[in-house]
């Protein structure tokens, strides 16, 4: 029997890697919905090739373009936020949540309400609303499988283990484009320089987040939410080779490491085929050729995002939603050339320190998360425009 699958965020790097795996065995899947944003040509081509039921662009103004691109096929075209939600609610067995940013929260949440297995690549879901996401999954008998390479690695290392035996969780970071730059050079880092990753092939926004380590800061918060460990049990190591994705330390002193190539198809494939393992088209590592793996502690002066993430975990409530919204807005400012690279961290810290506590302490509902997000974005924009 074919598995019904949907891909929310099909035109991004995670979505495209997911499509690559599904397209290798098309007879095993019934593709329900593909969603994207501005890359209409790619969205339409994939929807036709995979014979999806529906293709949705988040941009309502592009609906006619999408319809034109889908001409001659049976794929339904739709556009806008309501259409995204409707696509997420369509009956499916497995849904990839790969929409970038806070925009991915509501569709992923609605998919969980249908009782699906949600492959979660959208970091913001757990950062902004971890308690709500996990509570919904439990109430609706849905399952969440992590797709971040680090959290997939932790998940795999914990198979058959007792969480009470876990002492620490170590997630690794490549260090991004600027890991070996002198600190004094970072103030002059350009958009082009920040958009080039030494190991991973990712979209521009996540590549810049890697250079600033905001990506890793988000993953710290995700680790706490997903695995229920204390913040003081979570460590970050800079690992330039990006071969070890995470390690789990146990109370008997054992350290379980997940080693693999920097290829997102491993984590995606693990979630797609779970609980079984299937053959994947990823590189098989030659450790003798690699010879050396290196590690170093992260410098929180260079990467203040890590310190801010720990403050967010300590604060609790909707601090994660404020953190993410300020980060996304600061990133927009850097991409637009309004602020320098180092100003991103300063803006996020300023917003966290000045946000009205009532926005952070509000009950965790989707509406309150959205309101905190809006307030934080407005505050960040004011700081950028000063």
Protein backbone atom coordinates (compact mmCIF):
# COMPACT_ATOMS: atom_id res chain seq x y z
CA UNK A 1 0.00 0.00 0.00
CA UNK A 2 1.36 3.41 -0.95
CA UNK A 3 2.20 5.91 1.79
CA UNK A 4 0.49 9.26 1.47
CA UNK A 5 3.03 12.05 1.86
CA UNK A 6 2.98 15.85 1.79
CA UNK A 7 5.94 18.23 1.66
CA UNK A 8 5.44 21.66 3.20
CA UNK A 9 8.29 23.78 1.88
CA UNK A 10 9.00 21.63 -1.17
CA UNK A 11 11.17 24.13 -3.06
CA UNK A 12 13.75 24.70 -0.30
CA UNK A 13 16.86 22.59 0.25
CA UNK A 14 15.16 20.17 2.68
CA UNK A 15 12.13 19.87 0.43
CA UNK A 16 14.25 19.22 -2.64
CA UNK A 17 16.28 16.54 -0.85
CA UNK A 18 13.02 14.93 0.28
CA UNK A 19 11.73 14.95 -3.29
CA UNK A 20 15.01 13.41 -4.46
CA UNK A 21 14.45 10.42 -2.16
CA UNK A 22 10.77 10.02 -3.02
CA UNK A 23 11.44 10.28 -6.75
CA UNK A 24 13.85 7.33 -6.52
CA UNK A 25 10.95 5.07 -5.52
CA UNK A 26 7.82 6.79 -6.84
CA UNK A 27 5.66 3.67 -6.75
CA UNK A 28 5.93 3.60 -2.95
CA UNK A 29 4.32 7.01 -2.43
CA UNK A 30 1.13 8.88 -3.14
CA UNK A 31 2.09 12.57 -3.04
CA UNK A 32 -0.79 14.56 -1.61
CA UNK A 33 0.46 18.15 -1.39
CA UNK A 34 3.53 20.20 -2.26
CA UNK A 35 3.88 23.78 -1.05
CA UNK A 36 6.36 26.51 -1.84
CA UNK A 37 6.70 30.25 -2.14
CA UNK A 38 8.35 32.11 -5.00
CA UNK A 39 9.93 29.33 -7.07
CA UNK A 40 6.82 28.58 -9.09
CA UNK A 41 8.67 26.80 -11.90
CA UNK A 42 10.24 24.29 -9.50
CA UNK A 43 7.03 23.79 -7.53
CA UNK A 44 5.02 23.08 -10.66
CA UNK A 45 7.64 20.78 -12.18
CA UNK A 46 7.85 18.68 -9.00
CA UNK A 47 4.08 18.57 -8.58
CA UNK A 48 3.66 17.29 -12.13
CA UNK A 49 6.52 14.79 -11.91
CA UNK A 50 5.25 13.36 -8.62
CA UNK A 51 1.59 13.61 -9.65
CA UNK A 52 0.65 15.53 -6.53
CA UNK A 53 -3.00 16.19 -5.77
CA UNK A 54 -2.38 19.87 -5.06
CA UNK A 55 0.41 22.46 -5.32
CA UNK A 56 0.25 25.59 -3.18
CA UNK A 57 2.26 28.79 -3.30
CA UNK A 58 2.26 31.00 -0.22
CA UNK A 59 2.23 34.05 -2.51
CA UNK A 60 -1.37 34.76 -3.50
CA UNK A 61 -0.24 37.05 -6.32
CA UNK A 62 1.41 34.08 -8.08
CA UNK A 63 -1.68 31.89 -8.37
CA UNK A 64 -2.26 32.52 -12.07
CA UNK A 65 1.41 31.82 -12.75
CA UNK A 66 1.17 28.52 -10.88
CA UNK A 67 -1.99 27.55 -12.73
CA UNK A 68 -0.28 28.28 -16.04
CA UNK A 69 2.76 26.23 -15.05
CA UNK A 70 0.51 23.28 -14.14
CA UNK A 71 -1.49 23.34 -17.35
CA UNK A 72 -1.95 19.93 -18.91
CA UNK A 73 -1.79 18.14 -15.55
CA UNK A 74 -4.40 17.08 -13.01
CA UNK A 75 -2.65 18.96 -10.17
CA UNK A 76 -4.87 21.52 -8.43
CA UNK A 77 -3.30 24.97 -7.93
CA UNK A 78 -3.92 27.09 -4.84
CA UNK A 79 -2.33 30.07 -3.12
CA UNK A 80 -2.22 31.94 0.18
CA UNK A 81 -2.09 31.15 3.88
CA UNK A 82 -5.51 29.52 4.00
CA UNK A 83 -4.51 27.24 1.14
CA UNK A 84 -1.32 26.27 2.99
CA UNK A 85 -3.36 25.31 6.03
CA UNK A 86 -5.83 23.35 3.89
CA UNK A 87 -2.95 21.47 2.26
CA UNK A 88 -1.49 20.63 5.69
CA UNK A 89 -4.87 19.27 6.79
CA UNK A 90 -5.28 16.93 3.82
CA UNK A 91 -5.22 13.25 4.85
CA UNK A 92 -1.65 11.96 4.79
CA UNK A 93 0.48 9.41 6.61
CA UNK A 94 3.74 11.40 6.63
CA UNK A 95 4.28 15.15 6.34
CA UNK A 96 7.58 16.97 5.90
CA UNK A 97 7.50 20.31 7.74
CA UNK A 98 10.22 22.30 5.97
CA UNK A 99 8.75 25.79 5.55
CA UNK A 100 11.43 28.25 6.62
CA UNK A 101 10.79 30.52 9.60
CA UNK A 102 7.85 31.12 11.92
CA UNK A 103 5.56 30.79 8.89
CA UNK A 104 5.97 27.02 9.20
CA UNK A 105 4.49 26.80 12.70
CA UNK A 106 0.76 26.89 11.92
CA UNK A 107 0.82 24.44 8.96
CA UNK A 108 2.89 21.96 10.96
CA UNK A 109 0.57 22.27 13.94
CA UNK A 110 -2.47 21.68 11.74
CA UNK A 111 -0.83 18.60 10.24
CA UNK A 112 -0.23 17.21 13.73
CA UNK A 113 -3.91 17.68 14.52
CA UNK A 114 -4.63 15.14 11.77
CA UNK A 115 -2.61 12.49 13.64
CA UNK A 116 0.19 12.25 11.07
CA UNK A 117 3.86 11.45 11.42
CA UNK A 118 5.48 14.88 11.15
CA UNK A 119 9.08 15.00 9.94
CA UNK A 120 10.11 18.25 11.58
CA UNK A 121 12.73 20.35 9.83
CA UNK A 122 11.14 23.67 10.82
CA UNK A 123 13.23 24.75 13.81
CA UNK A 124 10.88 27.56 14.71
CA UNK A 125 8.07 25.18 15.67
CA UNK A 126 9.87 23.94 18.79
CA UNK A 127 11.70 27.21 19.48
CA UNK A 128 8.56 29.33 19.41
CA UNK A 129 5.95 26.88 20.67
CA UNK A 130 7.59 23.67 21.82
CA UNK A 131 5.08 22.94 24.58
CA UNK A 132 2.14 23.54 22.24
CA UNK A 133 3.61 21.36 19.48
CA UNK A 134 4.39 18.43 21.78
CA UNK A 135 1.05 18.69 23.59
CA UNK A 136 -0.81 18.66 20.28
CA UNK A 137 1.12 15.64 19.05
CA UNK A 138 0.29 13.73 22.21
CA UNK A 139 -3.38 14.71 22.19
CA UNK A 140 -3.82 13.76 18.53
CA UNK A 141 -1.79 10.54 18.66
CA UNK A 142 0.66 12.03 16.16
CA UNK A 143 4.38 11.44 16.04
CA UNK A 144 7.21 13.93 15.54
CA UNK A 145 10.48 12.75 14.01
CA UNK A 146 13.41 15.21 14.01
CA UNK A 147 15.02 16.08 10.69
CA UNK A 148 17.75 18.50 11.78
CA UNK A 149 20.92 16.44 11.36
CA UNK A 150 21.86 17.05 15.01
CA UNK A 151 18.52 16.05 16.48
CA UNK A 152 18.17 13.08 14.17
CA UNK A 153 21.59 11.99 15.41
CA UNK A 154 20.54 12.33 19.06
CA UNK A 155 17.29 10.50 18.34
CA UNK A 156 19.20 7.62 16.75
CA UNK A 157 21.74 7.48 19.59
CA UNK A 158 18.88 7.15 22.08
CA UNK A 159 17.17 4.17 20.44
CA UNK A 160 16.73 1.54 23.14
CA UNK A 161 18.20 3.79 25.83
CA UNK A 162 16.71 5.04 29.10
CA UNK A 163 16.54 8.85 29.24
CA UNK A 164 17.25 8.66 32.98
CA UNK A 165 20.72 7.36 32.08
CA UNK A 166 21.55 10.40 29.92
CA UNK A 167 24.04 12.82 31.44
CA UNK A 168 24.58 15.19 28.54
CA UNK A 169 23.78 15.84 24.90
CA UNK A 170 26.45 17.34 22.66
CA UNK A 171 25.44 18.94 19.37
CA UNK A 172 28.14 19.94 16.94
CA UNK A 173 28.54 23.06 14.83
CA UNK A 174 30.66 23.58 11.75
CA UNK A 175 31.31 27.18 12.78
CA UNK A 176 30.07 28.43 9.44
CA UNK A 177 31.79 30.73 7.01
CA UNK A 178 33.63 32.75 9.66
CA UNK A 179 34.81 30.10 12.09
CA UNK A 180 38.50 30.87 11.45
CA UNK A 181 38.20 34.62 10.93
CA UNK A 182 39.85 36.97 13.44
CA UNK A 183 37.14 38.47 15.62
CA UNK A 184 37.97 42.00 14.51
CA UNK A 185 37.12 41.15 10.88
CA UNK A 186 33.54 40.13 11.60
CA UNK A 187 32.20 43.68 11.71
CA UNK A 188 33.08 44.02 8.01
CA UNK A 189 31.73 40.65 6.88
CA UNK A 190 29.67 40.96 3.70
CA UNK A 191 26.43 39.28 2.71
CA UNK A 192 28.22 37.31 0.00
CA UNK A 193 30.82 36.03 2.46
CA UNK A 194 28.18 35.06 5.04
CA UNK A 195 26.15 33.23 2.38
CA UNK A 196 28.83 30.64 1.62
CA UNK A 197 29.00 27.55 3.84
CA UNK A 198 32.21 25.47 3.93
CA UNK A 199 30.47 22.08 4.31
CA UNK A 200 26.71 22.16 3.74
CA UNK A 201 24.62 23.10 0.71
CA UNK A 202 21.76 25.09 2.25
CA UNK A 203 19.56 28.10 1.55
CA UNK A 204 20.89 31.61 2.08
CA UNK A 205 19.09 32.35 5.35
CA UNK A 206 20.15 29.19 7.16
CA UNK A 207 23.70 29.59 5.81
CA UNK A 208 23.93 33.08 7.32
CA UNK A 209 22.39 31.74 10.54
CA UNK A 210 25.18 29.16 10.57
CA UNK A 211 27.82 31.88 10.26
CA UNK A 212 26.28 33.83 13.15
CA UNK A 213 25.58 30.59 15.08
CA UNK A 214 21.93 31.58 15.46
CA UNK A 215 21.19 28.29 13.74
CA UNK A 216 22.95 26.43 16.56
CA UNK A 217 21.31 28.63 19.17
CA UNK A 218 17.92 27.55 17.82
CA UNK A 219 19.05 23.93 17.99
CA UNK A 220 19.99 24.31 21.66
CA UNK A 221 16.41 25.31 22.41
CA UNK A 222 15.06 22.53 20.16
CA UNK A 223 17.16 19.95 22.01
CA UNK A 224 15.69 20.95 25.33
CA UNK A 225 12.13 20.90 24.02
CA UNK A 226 12.30 17.69 22.00
CA UNK A 227 14.30 15.50 24.39
CA UNK A 228 13.27 17.06 27.70
CA UNK A 229 16.82 17.47 28.99
CA UNK A 230 17.88 20.36 31.21
CA UNK A 231 19.68 23.32 29.58
CA UNK A 232 22.82 22.56 31.61
CA UNK A 233 22.92 19.08 30.05
CA UNK A 234 23.24 20.47 26.51
CA UNK A 235 26.67 21.31 25.11
CA UNK A 236 27.91 22.70 21.80
CA UNK A 237 31.21 21.75 20.18
CA UNK A 238 32.67 23.35 17.06
CA UNK A 239 33.53 20.48 14.74
CA UNK A 240 34.83 21.84 11.41
CA UNK A 241 34.61 18.54 9.51
CA UNK A 242 30.83 18.16 10.16
CA UNK A 243 31.15 14.35 10.32
CA UNK A 244 29.95 13.83 13.89
CA UNK A 245 26.50 15.38 14.12
CA UNK A 246 25.80 14.80 17.81
CA UNK A 247 26.88 12.75 20.80
CA UNK A 248 25.00 11.48 23.83
CA UNK A 249 26.82 10.92 27.10
CA UNK A 250 25.53 8.42 29.65
CA UNK A 251 26.00 8.12 33.40
CA UNK A 252 28.40 5.19 32.99
CA UNK A 253 30.80 7.44 31.06
CA UNK A 254 29.93 6.07 27.62
CA UNK A 255 29.66 8.55 24.77
CA UNK A 256 27.52 7.50 21.79
CA UNK A 257 28.36 9.41 18.60
CA UNK A 258 26.50 9.56 15.31
CA UNK A 259 28.97 9.80 12.41
CA UNK A 260 27.99 10.46 8.81
CA UNK A 261 28.62 12.68 5.80
CA UNK A 262 27.22 16.23 5.70
CA UNK A 263 24.22 15.21 3.60
CA UNK A 264 20.70 16.01 4.76
CA UNK A 265 19.32 13.01 2.91
CA UNK A 266 20.47 10.83 5.78
CA UNK A 267 18.30 12.54 8.40
CA UNK A 268 15.43 12.92 5.92
CA UNK A 269 15.69 9.29 4.85
CA UNK A 270 15.80 8.07 8.44
CA UNK A 271 12.56 9.94 9.18
CA UNK A 272 10.97 8.85 5.89
CA UNK A 273 11.61 5.13 6.49
CA UNK A 274 11.46 5.02 10.32
CA UNK A 275 11.39 2.67 12.19
CA UNK A 276 13.33 0.75 9.54
CA UNK A 277 16.58 1.67 7.81
CA UNK A 278 16.67 1.68 4.03
CA UNK A 279 19.51 2.15 1.56
CA UNK A 280 20.24 5.83 0.94
CA UNK A 281 22.29 7.52 -1.81
CA UNK A 282 24.78 9.11 0.59
CA UNK A 283 28.56 8.89 0.74
CA UNK A 284 30.10 6.03 2.72
CA UNK A 285 32.84 7.53 4.88
CA UNK A 286 36.43 6.36 4.55
CA UNK A 287 37.68 7.10 8.06
CA UNK A 288 41.25 6.11 7.22
CA UNK A 289 41.27 8.74 4.49
CA UNK A 290 39.66 11.35 6.72
CA UNK A 291 42.20 10.44 9.43
CA UNK A 292 41.48 13.31 11.83
CA UNK A 293 38.39 14.83 13.37
CA UNK A 294 38.82 18.04 15.34
CA UNK A 295 36.80 19.83 18.02
CA UNK A 296 36.95 23.07 19.95
CA UNK A 297 34.78 24.92 22.42
CA UNK A 298 32.67 27.74 20.95
CA UNK A 299 33.61 31.33 21.76
CA UNK A 300 30.47 33.08 23.00
CA UNK A 301 32.08 36.49 22.39
CA UNK A 302 32.34 35.59 18.71
CA UNK A 303 28.92 33.88 18.79
CA UNK A 304 26.67 35.64 21.34
CA UNK A 305 23.66 33.78 19.95
CA UNK A 306 24.60 30.76 22.07
CA UNK A 307 24.53 32.82 25.27
CA UNK A 308 21.21 34.36 24.26
CA UNK A 309 19.71 30.91 23.65
CA UNK A 310 20.61 29.85 27.18
CA UNK A 311 19.00 33.02 28.52
CA UNK A 312 15.87 32.23 26.51
CA UNK A 313 15.70 28.71 27.98
CA UNK A 314 16.11 30.15 31.46
CA UNK A 315 13.37 32.74 30.84
CA UNK A 316 10.85 30.25 29.43
CA UNK A 317 7.34 31.18 28.34
CA UNK A 318 7.20 32.80 24.91
CA UNK A 319 10.80 34.01 25.05
CA UNK A 320 11.62 31.61 22.23
CA UNK A 321 9.03 33.24 19.98
CA UNK A 322 10.48 36.68 20.76
CA UNK A 323 14.02 35.42 20.16
CA UNK A 324 13.16 33.91 16.80
CA UNK A 325 11.14 36.89 15.56
CA UNK A 326 13.91 39.31 16.48
CA UNK A 327 16.45 37.04 14.83
CA UNK A 328 14.46 36.76 11.60
CA UNK A 329 13.97 40.53 11.46
CA UNK A 330 17.64 41.24 12.14
CA UNK A 331 18.56 38.75 9.42
CA UNK A 332 16.24 40.58 7.02
CA UNK A 333 18.07 43.79 7.92
CA UNK A 334 21.47 42.25 7.22
CA UNK A 335 20.35 40.79 3.89
CA UNK A 336 18.92 44.20 2.92
CA UNK A 337 22.21 45.91 3.77
CA UNK A 338 20.68 47.96 6.60
CA UNK A 339 22.91 46.58 9.35
CA UNK A 340 26.27 44.89 9.73
CA UNK A 341 26.86 41.25 10.58
CA UNK A 342 27.55 41.79 14.29
CA UNK A 343 24.49 44.00 14.74
CA UNK A 344 22.21 40.98 14.39
CA UNK A 345 23.16 39.62 17.80
CA UNK A 346 22.97 43.07 19.38
CA UNK A 347 19.45 43.63 18.04
CA UNK A 348 18.17 40.27 19.29
CA UNK A 349 19.61 40.93 22.74
CA UNK A 350 18.10 44.41 22.82
CA UNK A 351 14.64 43.09 21.94
CA UNK A 352 14.84 40.31 24.54
CA UNK A 353 15.87 42.82 27.22
CA UNK A 354 13.21 45.42 26.43
CA UNK A 355 10.19 43.30 25.47
CA UNK A 356 7.13 43.82 27.64
CA UNK A 357 7.12 40.84 30.06
CA UNK A 358 3.39 40.35 29.47
CA UNK A 359 4.11 39.18 25.93
CA UNK A 360 6.59 36.59 27.19
CA UNK A 361 4.50 35.40 30.14
CA UNK A 362 1.26 34.92 28.17
CA UNK A 363 -0.21 31.42 27.89
CA UNK A 364 1.24 29.38 25.02
CA UNK A 365 -1.50 29.44 22.42
CA UNK A 366 -1.06 29.89 18.68
CA UNK A 367 -2.62 33.37 18.89
CA UNK A 368 -0.33 34.44 21.74
CA UNK A 369 2.73 33.09 19.95
CA UNK A 370 1.72 35.07 16.86
CA UNK A 371 1.21 38.22 18.95
CA UNK A 372 4.60 37.90 20.66
CA UNK A 373 6.15 37.31 17.25
CA UNK A 374 4.53 40.48 15.86
CA UNK A 375 5.57 42.62 18.84
CA UNK A 376 9.16 41.39 18.64
CA UNK A 377 9.38 42.09 14.91
CA UNK A 378 8.11 45.60 15.41
CA UNK A 379 10.63 46.18 18.21
CA UNK A 380 13.49 44.83 16.09
CA UNK A 381 12.52 47.02 13.14
CA UNK A 382 12.54 50.09 15.40
CA UNK A 383 16.07 49.24 16.54
CA UNK A 384 17.23 48.71 12.95
CA UNK A 385 15.79 52.07 11.86
CA UNK A 386 17.42 54.05 14.69
